[in-house]
């Protein structure tokens, strides 16, 4: 069965619109995932930094003192 040009054109436009929507959703999904990943990485880094500073303070107090400072 042959479709009239109007029907074909309309169908093509609908497909185009659907593709655009999918593209936008995909972009948004990727951006959100990236943002989430970055936030997690930042959180982990700051936690790791805090842990290393704490452990350094616990293990070697003499290294953390400034030069010429008297131990208390």
PDB file of N, CA and C in Angstrom:
ATOM      1  N   UNK A   1       0.846  -1.199   0.000  1.00  0.00           N
ATOM      2  CA  UNK A   1       0.000   0.000   0.000  1.00  0.00           C
ATOM      3  C   UNK A   1       0.883   1.251   0.000  1.00  0.00           C
ATOM      4  N   UNK A   2       0.618   2.151  -0.918  1.00  0.00           N
ATOM      5  CA  UNK A   2       1.416   3.367  -1.012  1.00  0.00           C
ATOM      6  C   UNK A   2       0.937   4.404  -0.010  1.00  0.00           C
ATOM      7  N   UNK A   3       1.877   5.049   0.626  1.00  0.00           N
ATOM      8  CA  UNK A   3       1.541   6.125   1.564  1.00  0.00           C
ATOM      9  C   UNK A   3       1.546   7.445   0.799  1.00  0.00           C
ATOM     10  N   UNK A   4       0.670   8.330   1.194  1.00  0.00           N
ATOM     11  CA  UNK A   4       0.667   9.648   0.555  1.00  0.00           C
ATOM     12  C   UNK A   4       1.862  10.444   1.067  1.00  0.00           C
ATOM     13  N   UNK A   5       2.327  11.409   0.284  1.00  0.00           N
ATOM     14  CA  UNK A   5       3.511  12.193   0.690  1.00  0.00           C
ATOM     15  C   UNK A   5       3.332  12.864   2.053  1.00  0.00           C
ATOM     16  N   UNK A   6       2.124  13.315   2.352  1.00  0.00           N
ATOM     17  CA  UNK A   6       1.857  13.973   3.640  1.00  0.00           C
ATOM     18  C   UNK A   6       2.109  13.030   4.801  1.00  0.00           C
ATOM     19  N   UNK A   7       1.648  11.783   4.650  1.00  0.00           N
ATOM     20  CA  UNK A   7       1.815  10.783   5.716  1.00  0.00           C
ATOM     21  C   UNK A   7       3.297  10.481   5.911  1.00  0.00           C
ATOM     22  N   UNK A   8       4.009  10.300   4.789  1.00  0.00           N
ATOM     23  CA  UNK A   8       5.440  10.007   4.869  1.00  0.00           C
ATOM     24  C   UNK A   8       6.184  11.143   5.553  1.00  0.00           C
ATOM     25  N   UNK A   9       5.843  12.374   5.155  1.00  0.00           N
ATOM     26  CA  UNK A   9       6.514  13.545   5.718  1.00  0.00           C
ATOM     27  C   UNK A   9       6.272  13.627   7.223  1.00  0.00           C
ATOM     28  N   UNK A  10       4.994  13.412   7.603  1.00  0.00           N
ATOM     29  CA  UNK A  10       4.644  13.497   9.028  1.00  0.00           C
ATOM     30  C   UNK A  10       5.395  12.419   9.827  1.00  0.00           C
ATOM     31  N   UNK A  11       5.418  11.203   9.276  1.00  0.00           N
ATOM     32  CA  UNK A  11       6.106  10.111   9.963  1.00  0.00           C
ATOM     33  C   UNK A  11       7.590  10.444  10.139  1.00  0.00           C
ATOM     34  N   UNK A  12       8.191  11.010   9.074  1.00  0.00           N
ATOM     35  CA  UNK A  12       9.604  11.380   9.113  1.00  0.00           C
ATOM     36  C   UNK A  12       9.850  12.421  10.204  1.00  0.00           C
ATOM     37  N   UNK A  13       8.965  13.412  10.276  1.00  0.00           N
ATOM     38  CA  UNK A  13       9.093  14.464  11.287  1.00  0.00           C
ATOM     39  C   UNK A  13       8.992  13.866  12.692  1.00  0.00           C
ATOM     40  N   UNK A  14       8.048  12.939  12.878  1.00  0.00           N
ATOM     41  CA  UNK A  14       7.880  12.305  14.192  1.00  0.00           C
ATOM     42  C   UNK A  14       9.147  11.551  14.585  1.00  0.00           C
ATOM     43  N   UNK A  15       9.695  10.810  13.616  1.00  0.00           N
ATOM     44  CA  UNK A  15      10.927  10.058  13.886  1.00  0.00           C
ATOM     45  C   UNK A  15      12.054  11.000  14.289  1.00  0.00           C
ATOM     46  N   UNK A  16      12.145  12.124  13.555  1.00  0.00           N
ATOM     47  CA  UNK A  16      13.188  13.104  13.838  1.00  0.00           C
ATOM     48  C   UNK A  16      13.050  13.630  15.270  1.00  0.00           C
ATOM     49  N   UNK A  17      11.815  13.982  15.624  1.00  0.00           N
ATOM     50  CA  UNK A  17      11.553  14.512  16.960  1.00  0.00           C
ATOM     51  C   UNK A  17      11.930  13.479  18.031  1.00  0.00           C
ATOM     52  N   UNK A  18      11.544  12.223  17.766  1.00  0.00           N
ATOM     53  CA  UNK A  18      11.839  11.153  18.719  1.00  0.00           C
ATOM     54  C   UNK A  18      13.352  11.004  18.898  1.00  0.00           C
ATOM     55  N   UNK A  19      14.079  11.051  17.759  1.00  0.00           N
ATOM     56  CA  UNK A  19      15.542  10.950  17.826  1.00  0.00           C
ATOM     57  C   UNK A  19      16.130  12.083  18.656  1.00  0.00           C
ATOM     58  N   UNK A  20      15.629  13.307  18.439  1.00  0.00           N
ATOM     59  CA  UNK A  20      16.126  14.462  19.192  1.00  0.00           C
ATOM     60  C   UNK A  20      15.907  14.273  20.688  1.00  0.00           C
ATOM     61  N   UNK A  21      14.714  13.795  21.044  1.00  0.00           N
ATOM     62  CA  UNK A  21      14.398  13.582  22.462  1.00  0.00           C
ATOM     63  C   UNK A  21      15.358  12.557  23.054  1.00  0.00           C
ATOM     64  N   UNK A  22      15.563  11.452  22.326  1.00  0.00           N
ATOM     65  CA  UNK A  22      16.469  10.418  22.830  1.00  0.00           C
ATOM     66  C   UNK A  22      17.871  10.974  23.010  1.00  0.00           C
ATOM     67  N   UNK A  23      18.293  11.793  22.046  1.00  0.00           N
ATOM     68  CA  UNK A  23      19.631  12.374  22.103  1.00  0.00           C
ATOM     69  C   UNK A  23      19.765  13.245  23.353  1.00  0.00           C
ATOM     70  N   UNK A  24      18.745  14.085  23.588  1.00  0.00           N
ATOM     71  CA  UNK A  24      18.774  14.962  24.762  1.00  0.00           C
ATOM     72  C   UNK A  24      18.825  14.146  26.048  1.00  0.00           C
ATOM     73  N   UNK A  25      17.999  13.088  26.103  1.00  0.00           N
ATOM     74  CA  UNK A  25      17.987  12.244  27.303  1.00  0.00           C
ATOM     75  C   UNK A  25      19.350  11.606  27.513  1.00  0.00           C
ATOM     76  N   UNK A  26      19.945  11.145  26.407  1.00  0.00           N
ATOM     77  CA  UNK A  26      21.248  10.491  26.487  1.00  0.00           C
ATOM     78  C   UNK A  26      22.296  11.465  27.010  1.00  0.00           C
ATOM     79  N   UNK A  27      22.278  12.690  26.473  1.00  0.00           N
ATOM     80  CA  UNK A  27      23.237  13.710  26.910  1.00  0.00           C
ATOM     81  C   UNK A  27      23.057  13.983  28.395  1.00  0.00           C
ATOM     82  N   UNK A  28      21.802  14.140  28.812  1.00  0.00           N
ATOM     83  CA  UNK A  28      21.523  14.432  30.216  1.00  0.00           C
ATOM     84  C   UNK A  28      22.000  13.277  31.106  1.00  0.00           C
ATOM     85  N   UNK A  29      21.721  12.036  30.661  1.00  0.00           N
ATOM     86  CA  UNK A  29      22.115  10.875  31.458  1.00  0.00           C
ATOM     87  C   UNK A  29      23.634  10.820  31.607  1.00  0.00           C
ATOM     88  N   UNK A  30      24.346  11.053  30.488  1.00  0.00           N
ATOM     89  CA  UNK A  30      25.812  11.034  30.546  1.00  0.00           C
ATOM     90  C   UNK A  30      26.338  12.115  31.473  1.00  0.00           C
ATOM     91  N   UNK A  31      25.764  13.325  31.362  1.00  0.00           N
ATOM     92  CA  UNK A  31      26.232  14.451  32.171  1.00  0.00           C
ATOM     93  C   UNK A  31      25.996  14.175  33.657  1.00  0.00           C
ATOM     94  N   UNK A  32      24.819  13.623  33.982  1.00  0.00           N
ATOM     95  CA  UNK A  32      24.514  13.322  35.383  1.00  0.00           C
ATOM     96  C   UNK A  32      25.463  12.264  35.928  1.00  0.00           C
ATOM     97  N   UNK A  33      25.725  11.240  35.108  1.00  0.00           N
ATOM     98  CA  UNK A  33      26.631  10.175  35.549  1.00  0.00           C
ATOM     99  C   UNK A  33      28.017  10.753  35.806  1.00  0.00           C
ATOM    100  N   UNK A  34      28.452  11.620  34.901  1.00  0.00           N
ATOM    101  CA  UNK A  34      29.775  12.228  35.035  1.00  0.00           C
ATOM    102  C   UNK A  34      29.858  13.068  36.309  1.00  0.00           C
ATOM    103  N   UNK A  35      28.794  13.863  36.537  1.00  0.00           N
ATOM    104  CA  UNK A  35      28.748  14.717  37.720  1.00  0.00           C
ATOM    105  C   UNK A  35      28.822  13.881  38.995  1.00  0.00           C
ATOM    106  N   UNK A  36      28.051  12.791  38.991  1.00  0.00           N
ATOM    107  CA  UNK A  36      28.006  11.903  40.157  1.00  0.00           C
ATOM    108  C   UNK A  36      29.389  11.307  40.405  1.00  0.00           C
ATOM    109  N   UNK A  37      30.029  10.864  39.331  1.00  0.00           N
ATOM    110  CA  UNK A  37      31.356  10.257  39.418  1.00  0.00           C
ATOM    111  C   UNK A  37      32.367  11.267  39.968  1.00  0.00           C
ATOM    112  N   UNK A  38      32.306  12.494  39.437  1.00  0.00           N
ATOM    113  CA  UNK A  38      33.235  13.534  39.894  1.00  0.00           C
ATOM    114  C   UNK A  38      33.039  13.824  41.372  1.00  0.00           C
ATOM    115  N   UNK A  39      31.777  13.916  41.793  1.00  0.00           N
ATOM    116  CA  UNK A  39      31.487  14.198  43.202  1.00  0.00           C
ATOM    117  C   UNK A  39      32.042  13.081  44.079  1.00  0.00           C
ATOM    118  N   UNK A  40      31.829  11.824  43.642  1.00  0.00           N
ATOM    119  CA  UNK A  40      32.322  10.688  44.422  1.00  0.00           C
ATOM    120  C   UNK A  40      33.843  10.734  44.512  1.00  0.00           C
ATOM    121  N   UNK A  41      34.493  11.051  43.379  1.00  0.00           N
ATOM    122  CA  UNK A  41      35.956  11.107  43.357  1.00  0.00           C
ATOM    123  C   UNK A  41      36.466  12.193  44.307  1.00  0.00           C
ATOM    124  N   UNK A  42      35.827  13.368  44.258  1.00  0.00           N
ATOM    125  CA  UNK A  42      36.239  14.461  45.154  1.00  0.00           C
ATOM    126  C   UNK A  42      36.083  14.064  46.612  1.00  0.00           C
ATOM    127  N   UNK A  43      34.943  13.427  46.930  1.00  0.00           N
ATOM    128  CA  UNK A  43      34.685  13.004  48.309  1.00  0.00           C
ATOM    129  C   UNK A  43      35.752  12.010  48.759  1.00  0.00           C
ATOM    130  N   UNK A  44      36.034  11.027  47.907  1.00  0.00           N
ATOM    131  CA  UNK A  44      37.037  10.016  48.253  1.00  0.00           C
ATOM    132  C   UNK A  44      38.406  10.647  48.453  1.00  0.00           C
ATOM    133  N   UNK A  45      38.758  11.573  47.571  1.00  0.00           N
ATOM    134  CA  UNK A  45      40.074  12.211  47.665  1.00  0.00           C
ATOM    135  C   UNK A  45      40.199  12.957  48.984  1.00  0.00           C
ATOM    136  N   UNK A  46      39.176  13.753  49.328  1.00  0.00           N
ATOM    137  CA  UNK A  46      39.279  14.543  50.557  1.00  0.00           C
ATOM    138  C   UNK A  46      39.311  13.613  51.772  1.00  0.00           C
ATOM    139  N   UNK A  47      38.534  12.511  51.712  1.00  0.00           N
ATOM    140  CA  UNK A  47      38.537  11.563  52.828  1.00  0.00           C
ATOM    141  C   UNK A  47      39.918  10.932  52.965  1.00  0.00           C
ATOM    142  N   UNK A  48      40.493  10.528  51.823  1.00  0.00           N
ATOM    143  CA  UNK A  48      41.811   9.900  51.840  1.00  0.00           C
ATOM    144  C   UNK A  48      42.853  10.870  52.401  1.00  0.00           C
ATOM    145  N   UNK A  49      42.771  12.129  51.950  1.00  0.00           N
ATOM    146  CA  UNK A  49      43.720  13.143  52.407  1.00  0.00           C
ATOM    147  C   UNK A  49      43.605  13.312  53.923  1.00  0.00           C
ATOM    148  N   UNK A  50      42.361  13.383  54.421  1.00  0.00           N
ATOM    149  CA  UNK A  50      42.144  13.550  55.861  1.00  0.00           C
ATOM    150  C   UNK A  50      42.711  12.348  56.616  1.00  0.00           C
ATOM    151  N   UNK A  51      42.476  11.139  56.079  1.00  0.00           N
ATOM    152  CA  UNK A  51      42.973   9.933  56.755  1.00  0.00           C
ATOM    153  C   UNK A  51      44.495   9.932  56.813  1.00  0.00           C
ATOM    154  N   UNK A  52      45.138  10.280  55.700  1.00  0.00           N
ATOM    155  CA  UNK A  52      46.608  10.249  55.704  1.00  0.00           C
ATOM    156  C   UNK A  52      47.150  11.287  56.668  1.00  0.00           C
ATOM    157  N   UNK A  53      46.522  12.460  56.720  1.00  0.00           N
ATOM    158  CA  UNK A  53      46.990  13.488  57.655  1.00  0.00           C
ATOM    159  C   UNK A  53      46.835  13.010  59.093  1.00  0.00           C
ATOM    160  N   UNK A  54      45.679  12.380  59.380  1.00  0.00           N
ATOM    161  CA  UNK A  54      45.453  11.865  60.738  1.00  0.00           C
ATOM    162  C   UNK A  54      46.496  10.819  61.094  1.00  0.00           C
ATOM    163  N   UNK A  55      46.716   9.868  60.178  1.00  0.00           N
ATOM    164  CA  UNK A  55      47.652   8.787  60.491  1.00  0.00           C
ATOM    165  C   UNK A  55      49.062   9.345  60.654  1.00  0.00           C
ATOM    166  N   UNK A  56      49.411  10.333  59.850  1.00  0.00           N
ATOM    167  CA  UNK A  56      50.725  10.951  59.990  1.00  0.00           C
ATOM    168  C   UNK A  56      50.852  11.618  61.354  1.00  0.00           C
ATOM    169  N   UNK A  57      49.785  12.292  61.766  1.00  0.00           N
ATOM    170  CA  UNK A  57      49.805  12.979  63.060  1.00  0.00           C
ATOM    171  C   UNK A  57      49.929  11.954  64.187  1.00  0.00           C
ATOM    172  N   UNK A  58      49.297  10.782  64.000  1.00  0.00           N
ATOM    173  CA  UNK A  58      49.346   9.755  65.047  1.00  0.00           C
ATOM    174  C   UNK A  58      50.727   9.116  65.137  1.00  0.00           C
ATOM    175  N   UNK A  59      51.316   8.786  63.984  1.00  0.00           N
ATOM    176  CA  UNK A  59      52.530   7.972  64.012  1.00  0.00           C
ATOM    177  C   UNK A  59      53.790   8.781  64.290  1.00  0.00           C
ATOM    178  N   UNK A  60      53.908   9.970  63.710  1.00  0.00           N
ATOM    179  CA  UNK A  60      55.179  10.697  63.835  1.00  0.00           C
ATOM    180  C   UNK A  60      54.953  12.134  64.299  1.00  0.00           C
ATOM    181  N   UNK A  61      54.712  12.328  65.564  1.00  0.00           N
ATOM    182  CA  UNK A  61      54.463  13.693  66.036  1.00  0.00           C
ATOM    183  C   UNK A  61      55.693  14.580  65.898  1.00  0.00           C
ATOM    184  N   UNK A  62      56.876  13.989  65.973  1.00  0.00           N
ATOM    185  CA  UNK A  62      58.091  14.813  65.908  1.00  0.00           C
ATOM    186  C   UNK A  62      58.272  15.416  64.515  1.00  0.00           C
ATOM    187  N   UNK A  63      57.757  14.735  63.485  1.00  0.00           N
ATOM    188  CA  UNK A  63      57.892  15.278  62.129  1.00  0.00           C
ATOM    189  C   UNK A  63      56.919  16.421  61.877  1.00  0.00           C
ATOM    190  N   UNK A  64      55.815  16.419  62.629  1.00  0.00           N
ATOM    191  CA  UNK A  64      54.808  17.445  62.396  1.00  0.00           C
ATOM    192  C   UNK A  64      55.134  18.760  63.094  1.00  0.00           C
ATOM    193  N   UNK A  65      56.151  18.746  63.961  1.00  0.00           N
ATOM    194  CA  UNK A  65      56.491  19.982  64.671  1.00  0.00           C
ATOM    195  C   UNK A  65      57.345  20.878  63.791  1.00  0.00           C
ATOM    196  N   UNK A  66      57.211  22.162  64.004  1.00  0.00           N
ATOM    197  CA  UNK A  66      58.035  23.102  63.244  1.00  0.00           C
ATOM    198  C   UNK A  66      59.465  23.050  63.774  1.00  0.00           C
ATOM    199  N   UNK A  67      60.388  23.458  62.934  1.00  0.00           N
ATOM    200  CA  UNK A  67      61.800  23.430  63.313  1.00  0.00           C
ATOM    201  C   UNK A  67      62.027  24.383  64.484  1.00  0.00           C
ATOM    202  N   UNK A  68      62.744  23.905  65.486  1.00  0.00           N
ATOM    203  CA  UNK A  68      63.087  24.747  66.626  1.00  0.00           C
ATOM    204  C   UNK A  68      62.007  24.816  67.689  1.00  0.00           C
ATOM    205  N   UNK A  69      60.910  24.114  67.488  1.00  0.00           N
ATOM    206  CA  UNK A  69      59.835  24.151  68.478  1.00  0.00           C
ATOM    207  C   UNK A  69      60.122  23.115  69.562  1.00  0.00           C
ATOM    208  N   UNK A  70      59.849  23.463  70.785  1.00  0.00           N
ATOM    209  CA  UNK A  70      60.100  22.541  71.898  1.00  0.00           C
ATOM    210  C   UNK A  70      58.978  21.505  71.984  1.00  0.00           C
ATOM    211  N   UNK A  71      59.323  20.224  72.183  1.00  0.00           N
ATOM    212  CA  UNK A  71      58.259  19.217  72.386  1.00  0.00           C
ATOM    213  C   UNK A  71      57.555  19.467  73.712  1.00  0.00           C
ATOM    214  N   UNK A  72      56.256  19.283  73.728  1.00  0.00           N
ATOM    215  CA  UNK A  72      55.511  19.542  74.971  1.00  0.00           C
ATOM    216  C   UNK A  72      55.326  18.265  75.746  1.00  0.00           C
TER     217      UNK A  72
END
